[in-house]
């Protein structure tokens, strides 16, 4: 991807044609929407995901080069994923580091250390594992882009979601550090701090918290909506 700022929206959209992009967790949710949009704009897309069902369905909904099963927290899965990327795309222009999980809900004294580690491993370490494999490919392409999915929880502390918030704060530090490191190589690194997105993940978070405090799902949903302007 060129590092020169496009002169217009039309130039930006045209510039995506033929670009080689990996979208992690790209068979569902936000990742699916990103992969779908980029594909419609002419990019060549590989997605990975942990869901067999989502991976099986994605190629019938999006024009994909490949859909690969991979857990980004596992070194061997990431190695296998990037072998597929090199084979199918012949290189890489952009990485969308999107994979993440909601993590456990509860007070810090209630959280199982194993659940903490899994949240950090997927939401933060997974971004590192993918970036370390992507960077040599993007350098070889002459530059490109890495987009890190953080969260509003990476800017403001999130009570009862401590592992998730800590991971997303970590993504911000990771992104800022990479931006300084890779800028001289014509690689842009940016983060997206999304708010609450309607879907199965936030529904699970709301249900878990409602059960913990002994109120209805509807009442807890109302509390969450109070934080949305």
C-alpha atoms as a PDB file:
ATOM      1  CA  UNK A   1       0.000   0.000   0.000  1.00  0.00           C
ATOM      2  CA  UNK A   2       1.263   3.445  -0.856  1.00  0.00           C
ATOM      3  CA  UNK A   3       2.088   5.671   2.094  1.00  0.00           C
ATOM      4  CA  UNK A   4       1.167   8.843   0.195  1.00  0.00           C
ATOM      5  CA  UNK A   5      -2.127  10.271   1.413  1.00  0.00           C
ATOM      6  CA  UNK A   6      -4.833   9.914  -1.271  1.00  0.00           C
ATOM      7  CA  UNK A   7      -5.971  13.153  -2.860  1.00  0.00           C
ATOM      8  CA  UNK A   8      -9.617  12.098  -2.804  1.00  0.00           C
ATOM      9  CA  UNK A   9     -11.998   9.416  -1.559  1.00  0.00           C
ATOM     10  CA  UNK A  10     -12.165   7.994  -5.084  1.00  0.00           C
ATOM     11  CA  UNK A  11      -8.386   7.629  -5.192  1.00  0.00           C
ATOM     12  CA  UNK A  12      -8.418   5.914  -1.792  1.00  0.00           C
ATOM     13  CA  UNK A  13     -11.044   3.393  -2.889  1.00  0.00           C
ATOM     14  CA  UNK A  14      -9.333   2.709  -6.213  1.00  0.00           C
ATOM     15  CA  UNK A  15      -6.010   2.243  -4.434  1.00  0.00           C
ATOM     16  CA  UNK A  16      -7.270  -0.831  -2.603  1.00  0.00           C
ATOM     17  CA  UNK A  17      -7.679  -2.846  -5.790  1.00  0.00           C
ATOM     18  CA  UNK A  18      -5.305  -5.793  -5.847  1.00  0.00           C
ATOM     19  CA  UNK A  19      -3.952  -5.121  -2.357  1.00  0.00           C
ATOM     20  CA  UNK A  20      -3.133  -8.289  -0.407  1.00  0.00           C
ATOM     21  CA  UNK A  21      -4.759  -8.225   3.018  1.00  0.00           C
ATOM     22  CA  UNK A  22      -4.994 -10.614   5.962  1.00  0.00           C
ATOM     23  CA  UNK A  23      -7.940 -10.121   8.319  1.00  0.00           C
ATOM     24  CA  UNK A  24      -7.708 -12.105  11.558  1.00  0.00           C
ATOM     25  CA  UNK A  25     -11.021 -13.334  12.979  1.00  0.00           C
ATOM     26  CA  UNK A  26     -12.405 -12.341   9.595  1.00  0.00           C
ATOM     27  CA  UNK A  27     -15.182 -14.894   9.237  1.00  0.00           C
ATOM     28  CA  UNK A  28     -17.592 -13.192  11.637  1.00  0.00           C
ATOM     29  CA  UNK A  29     -18.467  -9.953  13.420  1.00  0.00           C
ATOM     30  CA  UNK A  30     -16.370  -6.843  12.821  1.00  0.00           C
ATOM     31  CA  UNK A  31     -13.733  -8.848  10.977  1.00  0.00           C
ATOM     32  CA  UNK A  32     -16.294 -10.158   8.501  1.00  0.00           C
ATOM     33  CA  UNK A  33     -17.569  -6.632   7.825  1.00  0.00           C
ATOM     34  CA  UNK A  34     -14.000  -5.420   7.228  1.00  0.00           C
ATOM     35  CA  UNK A  35     -13.141  -8.338   4.946  1.00  0.00           C
ATOM     36  CA  UNK A  36     -16.389  -7.929   3.015  1.00  0.00           C
ATOM     37  CA  UNK A  37     -15.834  -4.199   2.478  1.00  0.00           C
ATOM     38  CA  UNK A  38     -12.209  -4.590   1.400  1.00  0.00           C
ATOM     39  CA  UNK A  39     -13.127  -7.424  -0.946  1.00  0.00           C
ATOM     40  CA  UNK A  40     -15.841  -5.322  -2.576  1.00  0.00           C
ATOM     41  CA  UNK A  41     -13.224  -2.623  -3.131  1.00  0.00           C
ATOM     42  CA  UNK A  42     -10.996  -5.052  -4.986  1.00  0.00           C
ATOM     43  CA  UNK A  43      -8.555  -6.228  -2.327  1.00  0.00           C
ATOM     44  CA  UNK A  44      -7.398  -9.838  -2.270  1.00  0.00           C
ATOM     45  CA  UNK A  45      -8.358 -11.221   1.116  1.00  0.00           C
ATOM     46  CA  UNK A  46      -7.276 -14.080   3.354  1.00  0.00           C
ATOM     47  CA  UNK A  47      -9.181 -14.495   6.605  1.00  0.00           C
ATOM     48  CA  UNK A  48      -8.531 -16.677   9.602  1.00  0.00           C
ATOM     49  CA  UNK A  49     -10.893 -17.702  12.375  1.00  0.00           C
ATOM     50  CA  UNK A  50     -11.350 -20.380  15.038  1.00  0.00           C
ATOM     51  CA  UNK A  51     -14.947 -21.177  14.075  1.00  0.00           C
ATOM     52  CA  UNK A  52     -15.319 -24.049  11.617  1.00  0.00           C
ATOM     53  CA  UNK A  53     -18.902 -23.010  10.915  1.00  0.00           C
ATOM     54  CA  UNK A  54     -18.000 -19.396  10.167  1.00  0.00           C
ATOM     55  CA  UNK A  55     -15.033 -20.414   8.004  1.00  0.00           C
ATOM     56  CA  UNK A  56     -17.204 -22.792   5.990  1.00  0.00           C
ATOM     57  CA  UNK A  57     -19.828 -20.104   5.381  1.00  0.00           C
ATOM     58  CA  UNK A  58     -17.565 -17.114   4.667  1.00  0.00           C
ATOM     59  CA  UNK A  59     -16.448 -18.021   1.109  1.00  0.00           C
ATOM     60  CA  UNK A  60     -20.074 -18.133  -0.048  1.00  0.00           C
ATOM     61  CA  UNK A  61     -20.615 -14.588   1.254  1.00  0.00           C
ATOM     62  CA  UNK A  62     -17.300 -12.879   0.452  1.00  0.00           C
ATOM     63  CA  UNK A  63     -14.890 -13.174  -2.462  1.00  0.00           C
ATOM     64  CA  UNK A  64     -11.940 -14.663  -0.551  1.00  0.00           C
ATOM     65  CA  UNK A  65      -8.598 -16.016  -1.673  1.00  0.00           C
ATOM     66  CA  UNK A  66      -8.500 -18.337   1.353  1.00  0.00           C
ATOM     67  CA  UNK A  67     -10.110 -18.983   4.729  1.00  0.00           C
ATOM     68  CA  UNK A  68      -7.768 -20.574   7.270  1.00  0.00           C
ATOM     69  CA  UNK A  69      -8.500 -22.021  10.695  1.00  0.00           C
ATOM     70  CA  UNK A  70      -6.076 -20.482  13.191  1.00  0.00           C
ATOM     71  CA  UNK A  71      -5.946 -19.442  16.840  1.00  0.00           C
ATOM     72  CA  UNK A  72      -3.774 -16.312  16.890  1.00  0.00           C
ATOM     73  CA  UNK A  73      -2.601 -17.057  20.435  1.00  0.00           C
ATOM     74  CA  UNK A  74      -0.848 -20.228  19.257  1.00  0.00           C
ATOM     75  CA  UNK A  75       2.581 -19.837  17.651  1.00  0.00           C
ATOM     76  CA  UNK A  76       2.168 -22.908  15.469  1.00  0.00           C
ATOM     77  CA  UNK A  77      -1.226 -21.760  14.183  1.00  0.00           C
ATOM     78  CA  UNK A  78       0.159 -18.337  13.280  1.00  0.00           C
ATOM     79  CA  UNK A  79       3.121 -19.921  11.486  1.00  0.00           C
ATOM     80  CA  UNK A  80       0.742 -22.118   9.484  1.00  0.00           C
ATOM     81  CA  UNK A  81      -1.496 -19.125   8.742  1.00  0.00           C
ATOM     82  CA  UNK A  82       1.369 -17.115   7.281  1.00  0.00           C
ATOM     83  CA  UNK A  83       2.543 -20.061   5.230  1.00  0.00           C
ATOM     84  CA  UNK A  84      -0.926 -19.989   3.657  1.00  0.00           C
ATOM     85  CA  UNK A  85      -0.738 -16.213   3.182  1.00  0.00           C
ATOM     86  CA  UNK A  86       2.579 -16.466   1.334  1.00  0.00           C
ATOM     87  CA  UNK A  87       1.334 -19.371  -0.781  1.00  0.00           C
ATOM     88  CA  UNK A  88      -2.064 -17.890  -1.657  1.00  0.00           C
ATOM     89  CA  UNK A  89      -1.254 -14.172  -1.865  1.00  0.00           C
ATOM     90  CA  UNK A  90       2.447 -14.250  -2.703  1.00  0.00           C
ATOM     91  CA  UNK A  91       3.113 -11.531  -0.137  1.00  0.00           C
ATOM     92  CA  UNK A  92       1.233  -9.049   2.026  1.00  0.00           C
ATOM     93  CA  UNK A  93       0.352  -5.362   1.879  1.00  0.00           C
ATOM     94  CA  UNK A  94      -1.791  -5.027   4.993  1.00  0.00           C
ATOM     95  CA  UNK A  95      -2.622  -6.818   8.227  1.00  0.00           C
ATOM     96  CA  UNK A  96      -5.908  -6.226  10.029  1.00  0.00           C
ATOM     97  CA  UNK A  97      -5.123  -7.422  13.567  1.00  0.00           C
ATOM     98  CA  UNK A  98      -8.745  -7.938  14.559  1.00  0.00           C
ATOM     99  CA  UNK A  99      -8.912 -11.165  16.589  1.00  0.00           C
ATOM    100  CA  UNK A 100     -10.050 -10.858  20.190  1.00  0.00           C
ATOM    101  CA  UNK A 101     -12.399 -12.194  22.834  1.00  0.00           C
ATOM    102  CA  UNK A 102     -14.552 -10.553  25.484  1.00  0.00           C
ATOM    103  CA  UNK A 103     -12.677 -12.162  28.367  1.00  0.00           C
ATOM    104  CA  UNK A 104     -14.149 -12.895  31.796  1.00  0.00           C
ATOM    105  CA  UNK A 105     -16.611 -10.602  33.534  1.00  0.00           C
ATOM    106  CA  UNK A 106     -16.332 -10.001  37.278  1.00  0.00           C
ATOM    107  CA  UNK A 107     -14.382  -8.399  40.072  1.00  0.00           C
ATOM    108  CA  UNK A 108     -10.619  -8.753  40.021  1.00  0.00           C
ATOM    109  CA  UNK A 109     -10.804 -11.083  43.026  1.00  0.00           C
ATOM    110  CA  UNK A 110     -13.232 -13.336  41.151  1.00  0.00           C
ATOM    111  CA  UNK A 111     -11.275 -13.804  37.940  1.00  0.00           C
ATOM    112  CA  UNK A 112      -9.579 -17.133  37.270  1.00  0.00           C
ATOM    113  CA  UNK A 113      -5.908 -16.585  36.323  1.00  0.00           C
ATOM    114  CA  UNK A 114      -6.369 -18.962  33.384  1.00  0.00           C
ATOM    115  CA  UNK A 115      -9.151 -16.744  32.015  1.00  0.00           C
ATOM    116  CA  UNK A 116      -6.929 -13.681  32.478  1.00  0.00           C
ATOM    117  CA  UNK A 117      -4.096 -15.316  30.548  1.00  0.00           C
ATOM    118  CA  UNK A 118      -6.358 -16.441  27.716  1.00  0.00           C
ATOM    119  CA  UNK A 119      -7.757 -12.921  27.286  1.00  0.00           C
ATOM    120  CA  UNK A 120      -4.273 -11.380  27.196  1.00  0.00           C
ATOM    121  CA  UNK A 121      -2.985 -14.142  24.911  1.00  0.00           C
ATOM    122  CA  UNK A 122      -5.677 -13.635  22.276  1.00  0.00           C
ATOM    123  CA  UNK A 123      -6.311  -9.884  22.504  1.00  0.00           C
ATOM    124  CA  UNK A 124      -2.692  -8.740  22.885  1.00  0.00           C
ATOM    125  CA  UNK A 125      -0.119 -11.481  22.341  1.00  0.00           C
ATOM    126  CA  UNK A 126      -1.988 -12.605  19.230  1.00  0.00           C
ATOM    127  CA  UNK A 127      -1.432  -9.177  17.708  1.00  0.00           C
ATOM    128  CA  UNK A 128       2.307  -9.478  18.386  1.00  0.00           C
ATOM    129  CA  UNK A 129       2.517 -12.981  16.906  1.00  0.00           C
ATOM    130  CA  UNK A 130       0.756 -11.896  13.722  1.00  0.00           C
ATOM    131  CA  UNK A 131       2.681  -8.635  13.392  1.00  0.00           C
ATOM    132  CA  UNK A 132       6.071 -10.327  13.751  1.00  0.00           C
ATOM    133  CA  UNK A 133       5.237 -12.581  10.805  1.00  0.00           C
ATOM    134  CA  UNK A 134       3.541  -9.850   8.762  1.00  0.00           C
ATOM    135  CA  UNK A 135       6.246  -7.187   9.034  1.00  0.00           C
ATOM    136  CA  UNK A 136       8.892  -8.922   6.857  1.00  0.00           C
ATOM    137  CA  UNK A 137       6.279  -9.487   4.146  1.00  0.00           C
ATOM    138  CA  UNK A 138       5.042  -5.894   4.220  1.00  0.00           C
ATOM    139  CA  UNK A 139       8.629  -4.600   4.173  1.00  0.00           C
ATOM    140  CA  UNK A 140       9.288  -6.774   1.125  1.00  0.00           C
ATOM    141  CA  UNK A 141       6.241  -5.213  -0.541  1.00  0.00           C
ATOM    142  CA  UNK A 142       7.801  -1.775  -0.124  1.00  0.00           C
ATOM    143  CA  UNK A 143       5.515  -0.664   2.683  1.00  0.00           C
ATOM    144  CA  UNK A 144       1.910  -0.996   3.719  1.00  0.00           C
ATOM    145  CA  UNK A 145      -0.323  -0.899   6.735  1.00  0.00           C
ATOM    146  CA  UNK A 146      -1.113  -2.627  10.018  1.00  0.00           C
ATOM    147  CA  UNK A 147      -4.433  -1.890  11.688  1.00  0.00           C
ATOM    148  CA  UNK A 148      -4.794  -2.924  15.338  1.00  0.00           C
ATOM    149  CA  UNK A 149      -8.271  -3.393  16.770  1.00  0.00           C
ATOM    150  CA  UNK A 150      -8.302  -1.928  20.269  1.00  0.00           C
ATOM    151  CA  UNK A 151     -11.433  -0.624  22.018  1.00  0.00           C
ATOM    152  CA  UNK A 152     -12.852   2.282  23.957  1.00  0.00           C
ATOM    153  CA  UNK A 153     -11.853   0.039  26.877  1.00  0.00           C
ATOM    154  CA  UNK A 154      -8.267   0.698  25.801  1.00  0.00           C
ATOM    155  CA  UNK A 155      -8.653   4.389  26.576  1.00  0.00           C
ATOM    156  CA  UNK A 156     -10.811   4.318  29.725  1.00  0.00           C
ATOM    157  CA  UNK A 157     -10.771   1.696  32.474  1.00  0.00           C
ATOM    158  CA  UNK A 158     -13.666  -0.744  32.327  1.00  0.00           C
ATOM    159  CA  UNK A 159     -14.922  -2.003  35.704  1.00  0.00           C
ATOM    160  CA  UNK A 160     -15.534  -5.753  35.910  1.00  0.00           C
ATOM    161  CA  UNK A 161     -13.798  -6.250  32.529  1.00  0.00           C
ATOM    162  CA  UNK A 162     -10.246  -5.785  33.820  1.00  0.00           C
ATOM    163  CA  UNK A 163      -8.521  -8.424  31.627  1.00  0.00           C
ATOM    164  CA  UNK A 164     -10.127  -7.071  28.459  1.00  0.00           C
ATOM    165  CA  UNK A 165      -9.396  -3.448  29.304  1.00  0.00           C
ATOM    166  CA  UNK A 166      -5.791  -4.242  30.247  1.00  0.00           C
ATOM    167  CA  UNK A 167      -5.290  -6.091  26.961  1.00  0.00           C
ATOM    168  CA  UNK A 168      -6.776  -3.258  24.920  1.00  0.00           C
ATOM    169  CA  UNK A 169      -4.621  -0.657  26.716  1.00  0.00           C
ATOM    170  CA  UNK A 170      -1.703  -2.908  25.796  1.00  0.00           C
ATOM    171  CA  UNK A 171      -2.760  -2.839  22.151  1.00  0.00           C
ATOM    172  CA  UNK A 172      -2.490   0.969  22.205  1.00  0.00           C
ATOM    173  CA  UNK A 173       1.083   0.832  23.517  1.00  0.00           C
ATOM    174  CA  UNK A 174       1.936  -1.904  21.036  1.00  0.00           C
ATOM    175  CA  UNK A 175       0.493   0.131  18.165  1.00  0.00           C
ATOM    176  CA  UNK A 176       2.252   3.366  19.096  1.00  0.00           C
ATOM    177  CA  UNK A 177       5.572   1.562  19.493  1.00  0.00           C
ATOM    178  CA  UNK A 178       5.210  -0.234  16.159  1.00  0.00           C
ATOM    179  CA  UNK A 179       4.277   3.012  14.416  1.00  0.00           C
ATOM    180  CA  UNK A 180       7.564   4.579  15.512  1.00  0.00           C
ATOM    181  CA  UNK A 181       9.535   1.451  14.692  1.00  0.00           C
ATOM    182  CA  UNK A 182       8.046   0.810  11.264  1.00  0.00           C
ATOM    183  CA  UNK A 183       7.433   4.333   9.989  1.00  0.00           C
ATOM    184  CA  UNK A 184      10.917   4.520   8.429  1.00  0.00           C
ATOM    185  CA  UNK A 185       9.987   1.392   6.434  1.00  0.00           C
ATOM    186  CA  UNK A 186       6.877   3.059   4.949  1.00  0.00           C
ATOM    187  CA  UNK A 187       4.562   0.982   7.129  1.00  0.00           C
ATOM    188  CA  UNK A 188       1.690   2.810   8.795  1.00  0.00           C
ATOM    189  CA  UNK A 189       0.403   1.378  12.078  1.00  0.00           C
ATOM    190  CA  UNK A 190      -2.890   2.609  13.506  1.00  0.00           C
ATOM    191  CA  UNK A 191      -5.451   1.464  16.054  1.00  0.00           C
ATOM    192  CA  UNK A 192      -9.244   1.536  15.971  1.00  0.00           C
ATOM    193  CA  UNK A 193     -10.951   2.110  19.329  1.00  0.00           C
ATOM    194  CA  UNK A 194     -14.470   0.870  18.740  1.00  0.00           C
ATOM    195  CA  UNK A 195     -17.350   1.257  21.154  1.00  0.00           C
ATOM    196  CA  UNK A 196     -20.024  -1.325  21.947  1.00  0.00           C
ATOM    197  CA  UNK A 197     -20.953  -3.319  18.843  1.00  0.00           C
ATOM    198  CA  UNK A 198     -24.234  -5.199  18.839  1.00  0.00           C
ATOM    199  CA  UNK A 199     -23.683  -8.928  18.487  1.00  0.00           C
ATOM    200  CA  UNK A 200     -23.110 -12.232  20.315  1.00  0.00           C
ATOM    201  CA  UNK A 201     -19.982 -11.048  22.150  1.00  0.00           C
ATOM    202  CA  UNK A 202     -21.542  -8.089  23.969  1.00  0.00           C
ATOM    203  CA  UNK A 203     -24.720 -10.093  24.589  1.00  0.00           C
ATOM    204  CA  UNK A 204     -22.607 -12.682  26.383  1.00  0.00           C
ATOM    205  CA  UNK A 205     -20.890 -10.008  28.468  1.00  0.00           C
ATOM    206  CA  UNK A 206     -24.224  -8.461  29.458  1.00  0.00           C
ATOM    207  CA  UNK A 207     -25.727 -11.839  30.346  1.00  0.00           C
ATOM    208  CA  UNK A 208     -22.740 -12.803  32.499  1.00  0.00           C
ATOM    209  CA  UNK A 209     -22.754  -9.518  34.394  1.00  0.00           C
ATOM    210  CA  UNK A 210     -26.543  -9.594  34.880  1.00  0.00           C
ATOM    211  CA  UNK A 211     -26.273 -13.057  36.403  1.00  0.00           C
ATOM    212  CA  UNK A 212     -23.467 -11.970  38.732  1.00  0.00           C
ATOM    213  CA  UNK A 213     -25.384  -9.020  40.185  1.00  0.00           C
ATOM    214  CA  UNK A 214     -28.784 -10.727  40.141  1.00  0.00           C
ATOM    215  CA  UNK A 215     -30.711  -8.532  37.714  1.00  0.00           C
ATOM    216  CA  UNK A 216     -32.437  -9.175  34.398  1.00  0.00           C
ATOM    217  CA  UNK A 217     -30.668  -9.111  31.070  1.00  0.00           C
ATOM    218  CA  UNK A 218     -32.885  -6.194  30.028  1.00  0.00           C
ATOM    219  CA  UNK A 219     -31.953  -4.118  33.068  1.00  0.00           C
ATOM    220  CA  UNK A 220     -28.245  -4.748  32.554  1.00  0.00           C
ATOM    221  CA  UNK A 221     -28.612  -3.854  28.878  1.00  0.00           C
ATOM    222  CA  UNK A 222     -30.091  -0.540  29.984  1.00  0.00           C
ATOM    223  CA  UNK A 223     -27.073   0.133  32.190  1.00  0.00           C
ATOM    224  CA  UNK A 224     -24.734  -0.492  29.282  1.00  0.00           C
ATOM    225  CA  UNK A 225     -26.758   1.761  27.007  1.00  0.00           C
ATOM    226  CA  UNK A 226     -26.442   4.599  29.527  1.00  0.00           C
ATOM    227  CA  UNK A 227     -22.756   4.757  28.611  1.00  0.00           C
ATOM    228  CA  UNK A 228     -23.496   5.356  24.928  1.00  0.00           C
ATOM    229  CA  UNK A 229     -23.914   8.955  23.795  1.00  0.00           C
END
